[in-house]
Protein backbone atom coordinates (compact mmCIF):
# COMPACT_ATOMS: atom_id res chain seq x y z
CA MET A 1 192.45 110.50 -6.67
CA ALA A 2 189.86 113.43 -5.87
CA LYS A 3 190.36 116.66 -7.48
CA GLU A 4 188.89 119.23 -5.19
CA SER A 5 191.39 121.99 -6.42
CA SER A 6 188.65 124.27 -8.09
CA LYS A 7 185.09 124.39 -8.40
CA LEU A 8 183.17 122.64 -11.18
CA ARG A 9 181.86 125.30 -13.36
CA VAL A 10 177.64 124.50 -14.17
CA ALA A 11 175.59 125.63 -16.53
CA VAL A 12 171.83 124.85 -15.97
CA ALA A 13 169.29 124.82 -18.94
CA GLY A 14 165.71 125.69 -17.56
CA THR A 15 164.53 128.51 -14.99
CA SER A 16 161.25 126.71 -12.92
CA PHE A 17 162.53 123.80 -11.03
CA GLY A 18 166.25 124.79 -12.05
CA GLY A 19 165.69 128.34 -10.75
CA THR A 20 163.90 127.42 -7.56
CA VAL A 21 165.46 123.99 -6.46
CA GLN A 22 168.93 123.27 -8.45
CA ILE A 23 170.44 126.67 -8.97
CA PRO A 24 170.43 127.38 -5.23
CA VAL A 25 171.97 123.88 -4.38
CA PHE A 26 174.56 124.12 -6.92
CA GLN A 27 175.81 127.78 -5.36
CA THR A 28 175.76 126.57 -1.98
CA HIS A 29 177.48 123.21 -2.69
CA PRO A 30 181.39 123.60 -1.66
CA ARG A 31 182.30 121.90 -4.99
CA THR A 32 180.12 123.74 -7.59
CA GLN A 33 179.40 126.98 -9.18
CA VAL A 34 176.85 128.05 -11.70
CA VAL A 35 178.53 130.17 -14.39
CA ALA A 36 175.50 130.64 -16.88
CA VAL A 37 171.74 129.77 -17.02
CA SER A 38 169.66 129.23 -20.52
CA SER A 39 165.73 129.23 -20.80
CA GLY A 40 163.66 129.73 -24.48
CA ARG A 41 162.66 132.75 -22.91
CA ALA A 42 165.37 135.34 -22.75
CA GLU A 43 163.61 137.14 -19.94
CA ARG A 44 163.34 134.41 -17.84
CA ALA A 45 167.27 133.59 -18.21
CA GLN A 46 167.97 137.12 -17.09
CA LYS A 47 165.87 137.21 -14.03
CA ILE A 48 167.20 133.98 -12.46
CA ALA A 49 170.60 134.79 -13.26
CA SER A 50 170.33 138.17 -11.51
CA GLU A 51 168.22 136.46 -8.84
CA ASN A 52 171.45 134.05 -8.12
CA GLY A 53 174.29 135.68 -8.79
CA VAL A 54 174.68 133.99 -11.91
CA PRO A 55 177.27 135.84 -14.32
CA ALA A 56 176.02 134.72 -17.49
CA ASN A 57 172.87 134.03 -19.44
CA TYR A 58 171.79 132.76 -22.85
CA ALA A 59 168.47 131.88 -24.72
CA ASP A 60 170.62 129.84 -26.65
CA PHE A 61 171.54 126.17 -25.15
CA GLU A 62 174.43 125.36 -27.29
CA GLU A 63 175.95 128.70 -27.84
CA MET A 64 175.65 128.90 -23.75
CA LEU A 65 177.84 125.53 -23.93
CA ASP A 66 180.22 126.44 -26.51
CA ARG A 67 181.16 129.99 -24.91
CA GLU A 68 181.12 128.87 -21.07
CA LYS A 69 182.32 125.27 -21.13
CA PRO A 70 180.98 124.23 -18.17
CA ASP A 71 182.26 120.90 -16.48
CA VAL A 72 178.92 120.15 -15.80
CA VAL A 73 175.33 120.94 -17.17
CA SER A 74 171.83 120.29 -15.89
CA ILE A 75 168.94 119.71 -17.94
CA VAL A 76 165.89 121.05 -16.26
CA THR A 77 163.81 121.70 -19.57
CA PRO A 78 160.51 120.12 -20.77
CA PRO A 79 160.98 116.54 -22.07
CA ALA A 80 161.12 117.18 -25.85
CA GLN A 81 164.03 119.14 -25.50
CA HIS A 82 165.89 116.46 -23.57
CA LEU A 83 167.02 114.45 -26.69
CA PRO A 84 169.11 117.50 -28.46
CA MET A 85 170.52 118.96 -25.54
CA VAL A 86 172.02 116.02 -23.99
CA LEU A 87 173.32 114.86 -27.05
CA ALA A 88 175.03 118.33 -27.93
CA ALA A 89 176.51 118.06 -23.95
CA LEU A 90 177.96 114.34 -24.56
CA GLU A 91 179.74 115.51 -27.83
CA ARG A 92 181.25 118.37 -25.86
CA ARG A 93 182.45 115.67 -23.18
CA ILE A 94 180.31 117.44 -20.35
CA HIS A 95 179.07 115.79 -17.46
CA THR A 96 175.31 116.16 -17.73
CA LEU A 97 172.50 116.09 -15.41
CA CYS A 98 169.04 115.51 -16.98
CA GLU A 99 166.01 116.30 -15.64
CA LYS A 100 163.03 113.40 -15.67
CA PRO A 101 160.87 112.35 -17.61
CA PHE A 102 164.24 111.41 -19.55
CA ALA A 103 162.46 111.46 -22.88
CA LEU A 104 159.60 111.47 -25.12
CA ASN A 105 159.48 107.64 -26.03
CA LEU A 106 161.56 104.62 -25.51
CA LYS A 107 163.66 105.34 -28.76
CA ASP A 108 164.85 108.62 -27.77
CA ALA A 109 166.06 107.24 -24.35
CA TYR A 110 167.88 104.55 -25.83
CA ARG A 111 169.61 107.13 -27.79
CA MET A 112 170.79 109.23 -25.18
CA LYS A 113 171.78 106.04 -22.89
CA SER A 114 173.96 104.86 -26.11
CA ALA A 115 175.45 108.16 -26.34
CA ALA A 116 176.41 108.29 -23.05
CA ASP A 117 177.80 104.77 -22.87
CA SER A 118 180.08 105.87 -25.77
CA THR A 119 181.68 108.80 -23.78
CA ALA A 120 183.92 107.36 -21.65
CA GLY A 121 185.20 109.75 -18.38
CA VAL A 122 181.43 111.56 -18.68
CA VAL A 123 179.17 111.24 -15.61
CA ALA A 124 175.58 111.08 -16.77
CA MET A 125 172.70 110.88 -14.40
CA ILE A 126 169.00 111.54 -13.84
CA ASP A 127 167.45 113.57 -11.35
CA PHE A 128 165.26 110.75 -9.43
CA GLU A 129 165.91 112.73 -6.22
CA PHE A 130 162.59 111.25 -4.55
CA ARG A 131 165.13 108.26 -4.13
CA ASN A 132 166.88 110.37 -1.02
CA LEU A 133 163.32 111.40 0.89
CA PRO A 134 164.55 109.93 4.50
CA GLY A 135 161.14 107.22 4.55
CA ARG A 136 161.69 105.86 1.51
CA ALA A 137 165.64 105.44 1.65
CA LEU A 138 165.09 103.54 4.89
CA ALA A 139 162.12 101.72 3.54
CA ALA A 140 164.07 100.83 0.51
CA GLU A 141 167.12 99.38 2.68
CA LEU A 142 164.55 97.14 5.15
CA ILE A 143 162.98 95.55 2.33
CA ARG A 144 166.09 94.27 0.48
CA GLN A 145 167.11 93.00 4.19
CA GLY A 146 164.06 91.55 4.58
CA TYR A 147 162.08 93.42 7.03
CA ILE A 148 158.55 92.64 5.64
CA GLY A 149 159.32 89.22 4.23
CA THR A 150 158.47 88.75 0.70
CA LEU A 151 156.56 91.96 -0.81
CA ARG A 152 153.21 91.12 -1.96
CA MET A 153 151.69 94.35 -2.11
CA ALA A 154 152.39 97.98 -2.43
CA HIS A 155 150.66 101.17 -2.76
CA LEU A 156 151.47 105.07 -3.66
CA MET A 157 148.38 107.54 -3.03
CA VAL A 158 149.22 111.36 -3.91
CA HIS A 159 146.47 113.85 -4.10
CA GLN A 160 147.31 117.56 -4.36
CA GLY A 161 145.34 120.71 -5.14
CA THR A 162 147.78 122.65 -6.96
CA ARG A 163 146.22 122.55 -10.15
CA SER A 164 142.54 121.87 -9.09
CA ARG A 165 141.53 124.95 -10.89
CA SER A 166 142.35 126.27 -14.26
CA GLU A 167 143.59 129.45 -12.74
CA ASP A 168 145.79 127.71 -10.48
CA VAL A 169 148.45 127.38 -13.01
CA GLY A 170 148.32 128.72 -16.50
CA TRP A 171 148.96 126.54 -19.59
CA ASP A 172 152.35 125.36 -19.98
CA TRP A 173 154.55 122.12 -21.25
CA TRP A 174 152.67 120.07 -18.56
CA SER A 175 149.16 120.67 -20.48
CA ASP A 176 151.08 119.69 -23.90
CA VAL A 177 151.24 115.94 -24.40
CA SER A 178 152.97 116.56 -27.69
CA THR A 179 155.93 118.03 -25.47
CA GLY A 180 155.88 115.03 -22.91
CA GLY A 181 153.34 116.85 -20.47
CA GLY A 182 151.08 115.43 -18.22
CA GLU A 183 151.49 113.56 -14.63
CA LEU A 184 152.01 110.37 -15.66
CA GLY A 185 155.01 111.52 -17.13
CA ALA A 186 156.32 114.24 -14.58
CA VAL A 187 155.63 112.53 -11.64
CA GLY A 188 154.73 109.17 -12.76
CA SER A 189 158.74 108.84 -13.67
CA HIS A 190 159.45 108.73 -10.25
CA THR A 191 157.09 105.96 -9.30
CA ALA A 192 158.34 103.82 -11.82
CA ASP A 193 161.65 104.32 -11.06
CA MET A 194 161.00 103.45 -7.15
CA PHE A 195 159.26 100.16 -8.00
CA TRP A 196 161.73 99.07 -10.60
CA LYS A 197 164.30 99.64 -8.12
CA LEU A 198 162.79 97.42 -5.83
CA GLU A 199 161.16 94.50 -7.51
CA GLY A 200 162.86 94.94 -11.36
CA ARG A 201 160.82 95.25 -14.31
CA PRO A 202 157.37 94.69 -14.15
CA ARG A 203 155.79 91.64 -15.86
CA ARG A 204 152.76 93.34 -17.04
CA LEU A 205 151.04 96.67 -16.64
CA LEU A 206 147.12 98.19 -16.85
CA CYS A 207 147.03 102.20 -16.86
CA ASP A 208 144.21 104.50 -16.56
CA LEU A 209 144.59 108.38 -17.35
CA ALA A 210 142.30 111.38 -16.65
CA THR A 211 142.18 115.13 -17.29
CA PHE A 212 140.10 116.66 -14.74
CA VAL A 213 140.87 120.24 -16.05
CA ARG A 214 140.39 120.36 -19.87
CA GLU A 215 141.10 124.37 -20.44
CA ARG A 216 143.75 126.74 -18.90
CA SER A 217 144.77 130.13 -20.46
CA GLY A 218 142.16 129.58 -22.75
CA ARG A 219 143.58 126.53 -24.53
CA GLU A 220 143.08 123.00 -24.70
CA VAL A 221 144.88 120.50 -22.15
CA THR A 222 145.93 117.76 -24.28
CA SER A 223 147.81 115.83 -21.18
CA ASP A 224 146.91 114.15 -18.15
CA ASP A 225 146.30 115.26 -14.92
CA GLY A 226 145.71 112.50 -13.02
CA TYR A 227 146.84 108.66 -13.56
CA THR A 228 146.03 105.07 -11.88
CA LEU A 229 148.90 102.34 -12.44
CA ILE A 230 148.89 98.75 -11.44
CA MET A 231 152.12 96.77 -12.25
CA GLU A 232 152.46 93.10 -11.66
CA PHE A 233 156.08 91.62 -11.22
CA GLU A 234 157.95 88.26 -11.85
CA SER A 235 157.50 88.04 -7.85
CA GLY A 236 153.68 87.97 -8.06
CA ALA A 237 153.96 91.15 -6.30
CA ARG A 238 151.33 93.93 -6.83
CA ALA A 239 151.66 97.78 -6.93
CA ILE A 240 149.30 100.34 -7.55
CA ALA A 241 149.89 103.95 -7.82
CA GLN A 242 147.29 106.70 -8.02
CA MET A 243 148.31 110.41 -8.29
CA THR A 244 146.84 113.86 -9.00
CA HIS A 245 147.88 117.26 -8.71
CA SER A 246 144.16 118.44 -9.69
CA ALA A 247 142.21 117.17 -6.37
CA GLY A 248 142.96 117.61 -2.80
CA LEU A 249 144.88 119.59 -0.52
CA GLY A 250 148.52 117.60 -0.51
CA ASP A 251 148.22 114.35 0.77
CA GLY A 252 150.94 111.81 -0.06
CA HIS A 253 151.06 107.85 1.56
CA LEU A 254 153.16 105.23 0.42
CA GLY A 255 152.74 101.48 1.96
CA PHE A 256 154.71 97.86 1.57
CA PHE A 257 153.03 95.08 2.51
CA GLY A 258 154.77 91.38 2.78
CA SER A 259 154.49 87.94 3.87
CA GLU A 260 156.23 88.99 7.43
CA GLY A 261 155.25 92.51 8.28
CA GLU A 262 154.44 96.03 6.50
CA LEU A 263 156.07 99.65 5.88
CA VAL A 264 154.07 102.43 5.88
CA ILE A 265 155.30 106.23 5.14
CA PRO A 266 152.47 108.26 6.08
CA ASN A 267 153.26 111.77 4.41
CA LEU A 268 154.49 113.30 0.76
CA PHE A 269 158.11 114.04 1.98
CA ALA A 270 158.50 111.06 3.86
CA THR A 271 159.78 112.56 6.94
CA GLU A 272 158.57 109.75 8.84
CA ILE A 273 158.01 105.99 8.37
CA ARG A 274 156.26 103.64 10.63
CA GLY A 275 156.15 99.39 10.34
CA GLY A 276 156.01 96.09 11.99
CA LYS A 277 156.87 92.41 11.66
CA ARG A 278 154.63 89.89 12.44
CA PRO A 279 153.48 89.14 15.47
CA GLU A 280 153.64 92.81 16.52
CA LYS A 281 151.88 95.85 16.16
CA PRO A 282 152.94 98.52 13.67
CA GLY A 283 154.80 101.29 14.96
CA PRO A 284 157.06 104.15 14.75
CA ILE A 285 160.70 103.36 13.30
CA GLU A 286 163.16 106.17 13.85
CA ILE A 287 165.21 107.04 11.11
CA PRO A 288 168.95 106.96 11.28
CA GLU A 289 171.02 109.69 11.10
CA ARG A 290 172.90 108.65 7.45
CA TYR A 291 169.22 109.24 5.96
CA ARG A 292 168.12 112.41 7.59
CA LEU A 293 168.05 115.68 5.50
CA ALA A 294 168.44 119.25 6.66
CA PRO A 295 165.22 121.09 6.27
CA GLU A 296 165.38 123.22 3.36
CA SER A 297 162.56 125.21 1.43
CA PRO A 298 161.20 124.33 -0.95
CA PRO A 299 161.66 120.40 0.21
CA LEU A 300 163.21 119.03 -2.64
CA ARG A 301 166.49 120.91 -2.28
CA ALA A 302 167.47 118.59 0.41
CA PRO A 303 166.98 115.28 -1.48
CA PHE A 304 168.77 116.73 -4.64
CA ARG A 305 171.76 117.99 -2.47
CA VAL A 306 172.46 114.18 -1.74
CA LEU A 307 171.68 113.33 -5.67
CA LEU A 308 174.31 116.27 -6.24
CA ASN A 309 177.06 114.84 -3.55
CA GLN A 310 176.81 111.62 -5.50
CA MET A 311 177.60 113.24 -8.95
CA VAL A 312 180.41 115.13 -7.89
CA HIS A 313 182.12 112.44 -6.28
CA ALA A 314 181.85 110.38 -9.13
CA ILE A 315 183.41 113.29 -11.30
CA ASP A 316 185.95 114.07 -8.94
CA ASN A 317 187.24 110.23 -8.73
CA GLY A 318 187.02 109.30 -12.20
CA LEU A 319 184.16 106.87 -11.25
CA PRO A 320 181.17 105.04 -13.61
CA SER A 321 178.02 107.28 -13.89
CA PRO A 322 176.44 106.47 -10.27
CA SER A 323 172.60 105.41 -10.22
CA PRO A 324 170.27 106.88 -10.77
CA ASN A 325 171.99 106.91 -14.42
CA PHE A 326 170.91 106.77 -17.84
CA GLU A 327 169.96 103.11 -17.35
CA ASP A 328 167.52 103.92 -14.97
CA GLY A 329 166.21 106.56 -17.25
CA VAL A 330 165.52 104.27 -19.95
CA ASN A 331 163.80 101.57 -17.28
CA SER A 332 161.84 104.54 -16.30
CA GLN A 333 160.23 104.97 -19.97
CA ILE A 334 159.84 101.12 -20.52
CA VAL A 335 157.22 101.84 -18.03
CA LEU A 336 155.75 105.08 -19.23
CA ASP A 337 155.90 104.12 -22.67
CA ALA A 338 153.54 100.75 -21.99
CA ALA A 339 151.66 102.51 -19.50
CA TYR A 340 150.79 105.24 -22.03
CA LEU A 341 149.90 102.45 -24.50
CA SER A 342 147.88 100.60 -21.86
CA ALA A 343 145.59 103.98 -21.40
CA LYS A 344 145.04 104.30 -24.99
CA GLU A 345 144.21 100.44 -25.80
CA LYS A 346 142.52 100.18 -22.60
CA ARG A 347 144.18 96.69 -21.71
CA TRP A 348 146.78 94.98 -19.63
CA VAL A 349 150.47 95.69 -21.80
CA ASP A 350 152.83 92.56 -20.91
CA LEU A 351 156.32 93.73 -20.56
CA SER A 352 158.23 89.95 -19.96
């Protein structure tokens, strides 16, 4: 039976994506209220708390958990901090939402999943909110229904220029491979999740990484800022993804091509979709009301709100962790680890 007598108390660790996207959504959701925010930089925690009407701020994550005793914690920090924070939250039996990429490596991902699996009654999810972009959600449904027949080829092409010059963005965790930075982890984790959800575990993959901007704020960039990834699945389907934030002006294109037709999403936030089945010519497809999102700025607030609705529903009704959960985080990490190995050794990596 749903329990809705009071709002869920939320603590947020991280002030970048956490501050611009997550906290405003938590604060306007009818079932959640942010009671505290933490950051490794005390001044950032104070600033974001003040801007969003959050009563408490901390520089120490575990102190925040112990003092505030939240019902839910959202961990929106660089990947290197996910393992200790997730384990600390689960030890206290706090419902946990973790940002992607899930972990630095597959070993850490399995540790977090094991901890979640052994903590009964706690909902643990991954923030793969891209699943809820309207065109992507509809495409996934149509592919499952057989609209394009057997999937044979797919591509995802994203080219943005927000990091094209060293002065665009200073040196941060994205620039540091040791903290889990880089395009492949930060954005490619969504790619891995999308294709795994559609076709399952890849049979093998080939990946190449690029670093176009090699210095920021006078420091060497050790991570990638662009990747090209080819995946082959047990079905025989092939998918290719190429992404960067260091070239272009903001273009995104996603396509699925099967034995009986195609589906194409022509823009970054998947607000449109077109398709066709043999022998038709492709044309626009109306997105059903159930997948439409109210416009919000920045745009990722709207799909995050859908994910939050899923989490709240599971908590209120005592349900198991809905997908995307820590199993989905592990699956994405399997692809990322194999991709990094492929790039390092310059070869196909077998996952079967």
